[in-house]
Protein backbone atom coordinates (compact mmCIF):
# COMPACT_ATOMS: atom_id res chain seq x y z
CA MET A 1 6.34 -7.08 -2.20
CA GLN A 2 5.25 -10.42 -0.57
CA ARG A 3 8.62 -11.73 0.60
CA ALA A 4 8.87 -8.15 2.89
CA ASN A 5 5.04 -8.73 4.15
CA ASP A 6 6.94 -12.40 5.00
CA PHE A 7 9.19 -10.66 6.66
CA VAL A 8 7.79 -8.25 8.68
CA ARG A 9 5.09 -11.17 9.78
CA ALA A 10 7.71 -13.69 10.86
CA GLN A 11 10.10 -11.30 12.62
CA PRO A 12 8.79 -7.92 12.96
CA LYS A 13 11.30 -7.43 15.69
CA ARG A 14 13.70 -6.87 13.04
CA ALA A 15 11.52 -5.33 10.73
CA GLU A 16 10.67 -2.55 13.66
CA ALA A 17 14.57 -2.11 13.85
CA ILE A 18 14.81 -1.57 9.93
CA PHE A 19 12.48 1.15 10.15
CA VAL A 20 13.91 2.46 12.78
CA SER A 21 17.23 2.59 11.52
CA LYS A 22 17.09 3.32 7.44
CA LEU A 23 13.83 5.73 8.04
CA GLY A 24 14.40 7.55 11.26
CA ALA A 25 11.49 6.57 12.70
CA ASP A 26 11.16 7.28 15.97
CA PRO A 27 11.17 3.95 18.09
CA ALA A 28 7.92 4.72 19.92
CA PHE A 29 6.10 5.47 16.28
CA ALA A 30 7.44 1.87 15.21
CA SER A 31 6.22 0.06 18.21
CA TRP A 32 2.68 1.21 18.00
CA SER A 33 2.93 1.34 14.07
CA MET A 34 4.40 -2.15 13.18
CA GLN A 35 1.38 -3.83 15.97
CA ARG A 36 -1.00 -2.12 13.68
CA VAL A 37 0.97 -3.30 10.24
CA HIS A 38 -1.60 -6.35 8.33
CA ALA A 39 1.49 -7.54 5.51
CA ILE A 40 -1.47 -8.44 3.21
CA LEU A 41 -0.54 -7.78 -0.07
CA ALA A 42 -3.38 -7.72 -2.57
CA LEU A 43 -5.18 -5.67 -5.31
CA ASP A 44 -8.62 -4.81 -5.23
CA GLU A 45 -11.26 -2.45 -5.82
CA ALA A 46 -11.27 -1.10 -1.76
CA LEU A 47 -7.62 -0.32 -3.09
CA LEU A 48 -8.77 1.05 -6.32
CA ARG A 49 -11.82 3.83 -4.30
CA SER A 50 -9.15 4.44 -1.89
CA LEU A 51 -6.95 5.17 -4.56
CA GLN A 52 -9.32 8.04 -6.22
CA SER A 53 -10.48 9.83 -2.89
CA GLN A 54 -6.83 10.93 -2.56
CA ALA A 55 -6.88 12.49 -5.86
CA ASN A 56 -9.71 13.95 -5.17
CA TRP A 57 -9.02 15.90 -2.71
CA ALA A 58 -5.73 16.45 -3.96
CA VAL A 59 -7.22 17.72 -5.98
CA ARG A 60 -9.95 19.46 -4.32
CA GLU A 61 -7.67 21.41 -2.37
CA GLY A 62 -5.18 22.72 -4.76
CA TYR A 63 -2.12 19.89 -4.59
CA VAL A 64 -1.69 19.35 -8.12
CA ALA A 65 -2.83 21.50 -11.27
CA GLY A 66 -5.56 20.82 -13.34
CA LYS A 67 -9.16 19.07 -12.47
CA LYS A 68 -8.21 15.85 -15.05
CA GLN A 69 -9.32 13.10 -12.49
CA PRO A 70 -7.38 10.17 -12.46
CA ASP A 71 -8.67 6.60 -13.85
CA PHE A 72 -6.36 4.56 -11.85
CA ARG A 73 -8.69 0.98 -13.18
CA ALA A 74 -7.87 2.76 -16.58
CA THR A 75 -3.73 2.56 -15.69
CA THR A 76 -3.28 -0.79 -12.63
CA ARG A 77 -2.32 -4.42 -14.20
CA ALA A 78 -3.69 -6.75 -11.84
CA ALA A 79 -2.11 -10.01 -14.31
CA PRO A 80 1.85 -10.10 -12.51
CA LEU A 81 0.03 -9.34 -9.79
CA ARG A 82 -1.83 -12.44 -10.60
CA ALA A 83 0.27 -14.46 -12.19
CA VAL A 84 1.69 -14.58 -8.53
CA LEU A 85 -0.19 -14.24 -6.02
CA PRO A 86 -3.70 -15.51 -7.49
CA ASN A 87 -5.32 -15.26 -4.45
CA ALA A 88 -4.62 -11.71 -3.81
CA VAL A 89 -6.09 -9.91 -7.04
CA GLY A 90 -9.66 -9.25 -6.52
CA LEU A 91 -10.50 -7.40 -9.17
CA PRO A 92 -13.00 -8.73 -12.78
CA ARG A 93 -9.89 -10.03 -15.54
């Protein structure tokens, strides 16, 4: 993931071309979205809150069966990322 992020930052036009050719994205959309991408590898509380919010929405709207909410904090392991990029993790140990 970090190498991909580095590539997007270093060669945005090549990354855009790959986005179009490999994923079939519309060139105008690819250009628009690549100008807004923030290629940063991180794991923090904001990401976990966002995942939780999306899970709540999916349950509320009936896109997933059952009513049990996933516990992303219980299933997320920061140690592998912390071992590679210690500053990328904003979660307590």
